[in-house]
PDB file of N, CA and C in Angstrom:
ATOM      1  N   LYS A   1     -32.049 -20.050  31.664  1.00  0.00           N
ATOM      2  CA  LYS A   1     -32.463 -21.311  32.248  1.00  0.00           C
ATOM      3  C   LYS A   1     -33.707 -21.149  33.101  1.00  0.00           C
ATOM      4  N   SER A   2     -33.840 -19.976  33.732  1.00  0.00           N
ATOM      5  CA  SER A   2     -35.007 -19.766  34.592  1.00  0.00           C
ATOM      6  C   SER A   2     -36.237 -19.349  33.793  1.00  0.00           C
ATOM      7  N   CYS A   3     -36.059 -19.073  32.513  1.00  0.00           N
ATOM      8  CA  CYS A   3     -37.164 -18.654  31.644  1.00  0.00           C
ATOM      9  C   CYS A   3     -37.169 -19.484  30.360  1.00  0.00           C
ATOM     10  N   PRO A   4     -37.238 -20.822  30.458  1.00  0.00           N
ATOM     11  CA  PRO A   4     -37.136 -21.623  29.241  1.00  0.00           C
ATOM     12  C   PRO A   4     -38.261 -21.330  28.258  1.00  0.00           C
ATOM     13  N   GLY A   5     -37.879 -21.106  27.018  1.00  0.00           N
ATOM     14  CA  GLY A   5     -38.852 -20.877  25.966  1.00  0.00           C
ATOM     15  C   GLY A   5     -39.270 -19.432  25.767  1.00  0.00           C
ATOM     16  N   LEU A   6     -38.932 -18.551  26.683  1.00  0.00           N
ATOM     17  CA  LEU A   6     -39.369 -17.154  26.578  1.00  0.00           C
ATOM     18  C   LEU A   6     -38.715 -16.455  25.386  1.00  0.00           C
ATOM     19  N   LEU A   7     -37.426 -16.653  25.199  1.00  0.00           N
ATOM     20  CA  LEU A   7     -36.750 -16.008  24.076  1.00  0.00           C
ATOM     21  C   LEU A   7     -37.352 -16.481  22.751  1.00  0.00           C
ATOM     22  N   VAL A   8     -37.627 -17.759  22.645  1.00  0.00           N
ATOM     23  CA  VAL A   8     -38.226 -18.299  21.426  1.00  0.00           C
ATOM     24  C   VAL A   8     -39.576 -17.630  21.171  1.00  0.00           C
ATOM     25  N   SER A   9     -40.387 -17.486  22.213  1.00  0.00           N
ATOM     26  CA  SER A   9     -41.696 -16.837  22.066  1.00  0.00           C
ATOM     27  C   SER A   9     -41.557 -15.405  21.582  1.00  0.00           C
ATOM     28  N   LEU A  10     -40.590 -14.693  22.107  1.00  0.00           N
ATOM     29  CA  LEU A  10     -40.380 -13.300  21.707  1.00  0.00           C
ATOM     30  C   LEU A  10     -39.882 -13.204  20.270  1.00  0.00           C
ATOM     31  N   LEU A  11     -38.957 -14.069  19.901  1.00  0.00           N
ATOM     32  CA  LEU A  11     -38.445 -14.039  18.531  1.00  0.00           C
ATOM     33  C   LEU A  11     -39.532 -14.417  17.530  1.00  0.00           C
ATOM     34  N   GLU A  12     -40.420 -15.331  17.914  1.00  0.00           N
ATOM     35  CA  GLU A  12     -41.549 -15.675  17.047  1.00  0.00           C
ATOM     36  C   GLU A  12     -42.483 -14.482  16.876  1.00  0.00           C
ATOM     37  N   ALA A  13     -42.685 -13.714  17.951  1.00  0.00           N
ATOM     38  CA  ALA A  13     -43.531 -12.515  17.865  1.00  0.00           C
ATOM     39  C   ALA A  13     -42.912 -11.497  16.912  1.00  0.00           C
ATOM     40  N   PHE A  14     -41.595 -11.317  16.988  1.00  0.00           N
ATOM     41  CA  PHE A  14     -40.915 -10.409  16.068  1.00  0.00           C
ATOM     42  C   PHE A  14     -41.071 -10.886  14.632  1.00  0.00           C
ATOM     43  N   GLU A  15     -40.943 -12.196  14.442  1.00  0.00           N
ATOM     44  CA  GLU A  15     -41.074 -12.761  13.099  1.00  0.00           C
ATOM     45  C   GLU A  15     -42.473 -12.526  12.545  1.00  0.00           C
ATOM     46  N   GLU A  16     -43.492 -12.693  13.388  1.00  0.00           N
ATOM     47  CA  GLU A  16     -44.872 -12.460  12.955  1.00  0.00           C
ATOM     48  C   GLU A  16     -45.089 -11.011  12.521  1.00  0.00           C
ATOM     49  N   LEU A  17     -44.350 -10.083  13.129  1.00  0.00           N
ATOM     50  CA  LEU A  17     -44.443  -8.675  12.743  1.00  0.00           C
ATOM     51  C   LEU A  17     -43.632  -8.381  11.485  1.00  0.00           C
ATOM     52  N   GLY A  18     -42.848  -9.346  11.045  1.00  0.00           N
ATOM     53  CA  GLY A  18     -42.008  -9.134   9.880  1.00  0.00           C
ATOM     54  C   GLY A  18     -40.698  -8.442  10.198  1.00  0.00           C
ATOM     55  N   LEU A  19     -40.310  -8.459  11.480  1.00  0.00           N
ATOM     56  CA  LEU A  19     -39.059  -7.821  11.877  1.00  0.00           C
ATOM     57  C   LEU A  19     -37.887  -8.756  11.623  1.00  0.00           C
ATOM     58  N   ASN A  20     -36.795  -8.210  11.144  1.00  0.00           N
ATOM     59  CA  ASN A  20     -35.596  -8.968  10.857  1.00  0.00           C
ATOM     60  C   ASN A  20     -34.613  -8.749  12.007  1.00  0.00           C
ATOM     61  N   ILE A  21     -34.497  -9.720  12.910  1.00  0.00           N
ATOM     62  CA  ILE A  21     -33.620  -9.592  14.074  1.00  0.00           C
ATOM     63  C   ILE A  21     -32.233 -10.113  13.705  1.00  0.00           C
ATOM     64  N   LEU A  22     -31.228  -9.245  13.827  1.00  0.00           N
ATOM     65  CA  LEU A  22     -29.855  -9.616  13.503  1.00  0.00           C
ATOM     66  C   LEU A  22     -29.123 -10.168  14.713  1.00  0.00           C
ATOM     67  N   GLU A  23     -29.462  -9.640  15.907  1.00  0.00           N
ATOM     68  CA  GLU A  23     -28.775 -10.042  17.132  1.00  0.00           C
ATOM     69  C   GLU A  23     -29.724  -9.847  18.300  1.00  0.00           C
ATOM     70  N   ALA A  24     -29.724 -10.787  19.222  1.00  0.00           N
ATOM     71  CA  ALA A  24     -30.555 -10.658  20.424  1.00  0.00           C
ATOM     72  C   ALA A  24     -29.747 -11.101  21.635  1.00  0.00           C
ATOM     73  N   ARG A  25     -29.834 -10.327  22.699  1.00  0.00           N
ATOM     74  CA  ARG A  25     -29.172 -10.660  23.964  1.00  0.00           C
ATOM     75  C   ARG A  25     -30.222 -10.705  25.057  1.00  0.00           C
ATOM     76  N   VAL A  26     -30.114 -11.718  25.880  1.00  0.00           N
ATOM     77  CA  VAL A  26     -31.097 -11.907  26.947  1.00  0.00           C
ATOM     78  C   VAL A  26     -30.377 -12.112  28.264  1.00  0.00           C
ATOM     79  N   SER A  27     -30.958 -11.563  29.320  1.00  0.00           N
ATOM     80  CA  SER A  27     -30.464 -11.786  30.673  1.00  0.00           C
ATOM     81  C   SER A  27     -31.652 -12.084  31.569  1.00  0.00           C
ATOM     82  N   CYS A  28     -31.511 -13.094  32.399  1.00  0.00           N
ATOM     83  CA  CYS A  28     -32.580 -13.454  33.342  1.00  0.00           C
ATOM     84  C   CYS A  28     -32.056 -13.469  34.774  1.00  0.00           C
ATOM     85  N   THR A  29     -31.021 -12.710  35.083  1.00  0.00           N
ATOM     86  CA  THR A  29     -30.436 -12.779  36.417  1.00  0.00           C
ATOM     87  C   THR A  29     -31.372 -12.207  37.481  1.00  0.00           C
ATOM     88  N   ASP A  30     -31.566 -10.923  37.514  1.00  0.00           N
ATOM     89  CA  ASP A  30     -32.472 -10.319  38.487  1.00  0.00           C
ATOM     90  C   ASP A  30     -33.872 -10.157  37.908  1.00  0.00           C
ATOM     91  N   SER A  31     -33.922  -9.785  36.652  1.00  0.00           N
ATOM     92  CA  SER A  31     -35.186  -9.635  35.936  1.00  0.00           C
ATOM     93  C   SER A  31     -34.914  -9.971  34.478  1.00  0.00           C
ATOM     94  N   PHE A  32     -35.976 -10.157  33.725  1.00  0.00           N
ATOM     95  CA  PHE A  32     -35.798 -10.496  32.311  1.00  0.00           C
ATOM     96  C   PHE A  32     -35.441  -9.241  31.532  1.00  0.00           C
ATOM     97  N   ARG A  33     -34.363  -9.313  30.751  1.00  0.00           N
ATOM     98  CA  ARG A  33     -33.952  -8.205  29.899  1.00  0.00           C
ATOM     99  C   ARG A  33     -33.695  -8.734  28.497  1.00  0.00           C
ATOM    100  N   LEU A  34     -34.161  -8.006  27.531  1.00  0.00           N
ATOM    101  CA  LEU A  34     -33.951  -8.369  26.138  1.00  0.00           C
ATOM    102  C   LEU A  34     -33.465  -7.147  25.376  1.00  0.00           C
ATOM    103  N   GLN A  35     -32.398  -7.326  24.638  1.00  0.00           N
ATOM    104  CA  GLN A  35     -31.914  -6.280  23.739  1.00  0.00           C
ATOM    105  C   GLN A  35     -31.836  -6.913  22.362  1.00  0.00           C
ATOM    106  N   ALA A  36     -32.557  -6.353  21.420  1.00  0.00           N
ATOM    107  CA  ALA A  36     -32.576  -6.906  20.066  1.00  0.00           C
ATOM    108  C   ALA A  36     -32.183  -5.833  19.074  1.00  0.00           C
ATOM    109  N   VAL A  37     -31.393  -6.233  18.106  1.00  0.00           N
ATOM    110  CA  VAL A  37     -30.966  -5.340  17.044  1.00  0.00           C
ATOM    111  C   VAL A  37     -31.543  -5.873  15.747  1.00  0.00           C
ATOM    112  N   GLY A  38     -32.245  -5.016  15.052  1.00  0.00           N
ATOM    113  CA  GLY A  38     -32.862  -5.428  13.804  1.00  0.00           C
ATOM    114  C   GLY A  38     -32.254  -4.718  12.618  1.00  0.00           C
ATOM    115  N   GLY A  39     -32.512  -5.288  11.478  1.00  0.00           N
ATOM    116  CA  GLY A  39     -32.052  -4.686  10.238  1.00  0.00           C
ATOM    117  C   GLY A  39     -33.246  -4.418   9.348  1.00  0.00           C
ATOM    118  N   GLU A  40     -32.988  -3.803   8.242  1.00  0.00           N
ATOM    119  CA  GLU A  40     -34.069  -3.502   7.312  1.00  0.00           C
ATOM    120  C   GLU A  40     -34.609  -4.786   6.711  1.00  0.00           C
ATOM    121  N   ASN A  41     -35.918  -4.827   6.574  1.00  0.00           N
ATOM    122  CA  ASN A  41     -36.564  -5.947   5.923  1.00  0.00           C
ATOM    123  C   ASN A  41     -36.952  -5.487   4.535  1.00  0.00           C
ATOM    124  N   GLU A  42     -36.339  -6.071   3.538  1.00  0.00           N
ATOM    125  CA  GLU A  42     -36.558  -5.629   2.160  1.00  0.00           C
ATOM    126  C   GLU A  42     -37.992  -5.857   1.696  1.00  0.00           C
ATOM    127  N   GLU A  43     -38.692  -6.830   2.306  1.00  0.00           N
ATOM    128  CA  GLU A  43     -40.061  -7.137   1.910  1.00  0.00           C
ATOM    129  C   GLU A  43     -41.059  -6.121   2.465  1.00  0.00           C
ATOM    130  N   GLN A  44     -40.654  -5.403   3.490  1.00  0.00           N
ATOM    131  CA  GLN A  44     -41.571  -4.492   4.169  1.00  0.00           C
ATOM    132  C   GLN A  44     -41.189  -3.048   3.868  1.00  0.00           C
ATOM    133  N   SER A  45     -42.088  -2.323   3.249  1.00  0.00           N
ATOM    134  CA  SER A  45     -41.777  -0.944   2.873  1.00  0.00           C
ATOM    135  C   SER A  45     -42.137   0.051   3.975  1.00  0.00           C
ATOM    136  N   GLU A  46     -43.015  -0.332   4.893  1.00  0.00           N
ATOM    137  CA  GLU A  46     -43.446   0.569   5.965  1.00  0.00           C
ATOM    138  C   GLU A  46     -42.665   0.293   7.239  1.00  0.00           C
ATOM    139  N   SER A  47     -42.506   1.323   8.060  1.00  0.00           N
ATOM    140  CA  SER A  47     -41.893   1.118   9.364  1.00  0.00           C
ATOM    141  C   SER A  47     -42.976   0.646  10.338  1.00  0.00           C
ATOM    142  N   ILE A  48     -42.540   0.016  11.406  1.00  0.00           N
ATOM    143  CA  ILE A  48     -43.472  -0.496  12.410  1.00  0.00           C
ATOM    144  C   ILE A  48     -43.393   0.397  13.634  1.00  0.00           C
ATOM    145  N   ASP A  49     -44.540   0.789  14.130  1.00  0.00           N
ATOM    146  CA  ASP A  49     -44.627   1.646  15.301  1.00  0.00           C
ATOM    147  C   ASP A  49     -44.083   0.916  16.529  1.00  0.00           C
ATOM    148  N   ALA A  50     -43.326   1.621  17.348  1.00  0.00           N
ATOM    149  CA  ALA A  50     -42.750   1.036  18.563  1.00  0.00           C
ATOM    150  C   ALA A  50     -43.829   0.499  19.492  1.00  0.00           C
ATOM    151  N   GLN A  51     -44.977   1.142  19.545  1.00  0.00           N
ATOM    152  CA  GLN A  51     -46.071   0.685  20.407  1.00  0.00           C
ATOM    153  C   GLN A  51     -46.591  -0.680  19.956  1.00  0.00           C
ATOM    154  N   VAL A  52     -46.606  -0.917  18.650  1.00  0.00           N
ATOM    155  CA  VAL A  52     -47.035  -2.219  18.114  1.00  0.00           C
ATOM    156  C   VAL A  52     -46.052  -3.304  18.549  1.00  0.00           C
ATOM    157  N   VAL A  53     -44.761  -2.994  18.486  1.00  0.00           N
ATOM    158  CA  VAL A  53     -43.742  -3.949  18.917  1.00  0.00           C
ATOM    159  C   VAL A  53     -43.885  -4.221  20.409  1.00  0.00           C
ATOM    160  N   LYS A  54     -44.083  -3.172  21.191  1.00  0.00           N
ATOM    161  CA  LYS A  54     -44.237  -3.329  22.643  1.00  0.00           C
ATOM    162  C   LYS A  54     -45.431  -4.224  22.960  1.00  0.00           C
ATOM    163  N   GLN A  55     -46.550  -4.006  22.310  1.00  0.00           N
ATOM    164  CA  GLN A  55     -47.738  -4.820  22.550  1.00  0.00           C
ATOM    165  C   GLN A  55     -47.490  -6.275  22.153  1.00  0.00           C
ATOM    166  N   ALA A  56     -46.780  -6.502  21.059  1.00  0.00           N
ATOM    167  CA  ALA A  56     -46.468  -7.858  20.625  1.00  0.00           C
ATOM    168  C   ALA A  56     -45.571  -8.564  21.643  1.00  0.00           C
ATOM    169  N   VAL A  57     -44.608  -7.840  22.195  1.00  0.00           N
ATOM    170  CA  VAL A  57     -43.715  -8.401  23.210  1.00  0.00           C
ATOM    171  C   VAL A  57     -44.507  -8.742  24.473  1.00  0.00           C
ATOM    172  N   LEU A  58     -45.356  -7.824  24.915  1.00  0.00           N
ATOM    173  CA  LEU A  58     -46.160  -8.079  26.112  1.00  0.00           C
ATOM    174  C   LEU A  58     -47.088  -9.269  25.909  1.00  0.00           C
ATOM    175  N   GLN A  59     -47.675  -9.389  24.729  1.00  0.00           N
ATOM    176  CA  GLN A  59     -48.559 -10.511  24.425  1.00  0.00           C
ATOM    177  C   GLN A  59     -47.777 -11.824  24.403  1.00  0.00           C
ATOM    178  N   ALA A  60     -46.584 -11.802  23.840  1.00  0.00           N
ATOM    179  CA  ALA A  60     -45.751 -13.005  23.797  1.00  0.00           C
ATOM    180  C   ALA A  60     -45.373 -13.451  25.208  1.00  0.00           C
ATOM    181  N   ILE A  61     -45.046 -12.499  26.077  1.00  0.00           N
ATOM    182  CA  ILE A  61     -44.714 -12.821  27.465  1.00  0.00           C
ATOM    183  C   ILE A  61     -45.941 -13.397  28.173  1.00  0.00           C
ATOM    184  N   LYS A  62     -47.095 -12.801  27.952  1.00  0.00           N
ATOM    185  CA  LYS A  62     -48.329 -13.294  28.565  1.00  0.00           C
ATOM    186  C   LYS A  62     -48.631 -14.718  28.090  1.00  0.00           C
ATOM    187  N   ASN A  63     -48.530 -14.948  26.780  1.00  0.00           N
ATOM    188  CA  ASN A  63     -48.790 -16.283  26.236  1.00  0.00           C
ATOM    189  C   ASN A  63     -47.799 -17.302  26.790  1.00  0.00           C
ATOM    190  N   TRP A  64     -46.541 -16.919  26.888  1.00  0.00           N
ATOM    191  CA  TRP A  64     -45.516 -17.805  27.445  1.00  0.00           C
ATOM    192  C   TRP A  64     -45.822 -18.114  28.901  1.00  0.00           C
ATOM    193  N   SER A  65     -46.188 -17.097  29.654  1.00  0.00           N
ATOM    194  CA  SER A  65     -46.489 -17.268  31.078  1.00  0.00           C
ATOM    195  C   SER A  65     -47.671 -18.201  31.279  1.00  0.00           C
ATOM    196  N   GLU A  66     -48.707 -18.027  30.481  1.00  0.00           N
ATOM    197  CA  GLU A  66     -49.878 -18.894  30.586  1.00  0.00           C
ATOM    198  C   GLU A  66     -49.539 -20.318  30.201  1.00  0.00           C
ATOM    199  N   GLY A  67     -48.641 -20.489  29.232  1.00  0.00           N
ATOM    200  CA  GLY A  67     -48.229 -21.823  28.811  1.00  0.00           C
ATOM    201  C   GLY A  67     -47.423 -22.535  29.877  1.00  0.00           C
ATOM    202  N   THR A  68     -46.562 -21.789  30.613  1.00  0.00           N
ATOM    203  CA  THR A  68     -45.757 -22.409  31.655  1.00  0.00           C
ATOM    204  C   THR A  68     -46.593 -22.713  32.890  1.00  0.00           C
ATOM    205  N   ASP A  69     -47.661 -21.942  33.111  1.00  0.00           N
ATOM    206  CA  ASP A  69     -48.549 -22.198  34.247  1.00  0.00           C
ATOM    207  C   ASP A  69     -49.318 -23.505  34.048  1.00  0.00           C
ATOM    208  N   GLN A  70     -49.600 -23.867  32.802  1.00  0.00           N
ATOM    209  CA  GLN A  70     -50.380 -25.059  32.511  1.00  0.00           C
ATOM    210  C   GLN A  70     -49.537 -26.316  32.585  1.00  0.00           C
ATOM    211  N   GLN A  71     -48.204 -26.183  32.532  1.00  0.00           N
ATOM    212  CA  GLN A  71     -47.336 -27.360  32.545  1.00  0.00           C
ATOM    213  C   GLN A  71     -47.070 -27.849  33.933  1.00  0.00           C
TER     214      GLN A  71
END
């Protein structure tokens, strides 16, 4: 509730990377926490580097933050 739209932004970032998220858990009590479990994507033959995922998550958070500042 304190982070409306943030989970959606993160899941969209995962989708753009072609990641198949099977389960996601989020907590916003003291700080934002996300735990996501993915499965194999049959369309994608290559693995994705963890650093690429981290950068996508950070960018999604930044974009979300900038969007909430404008509202």
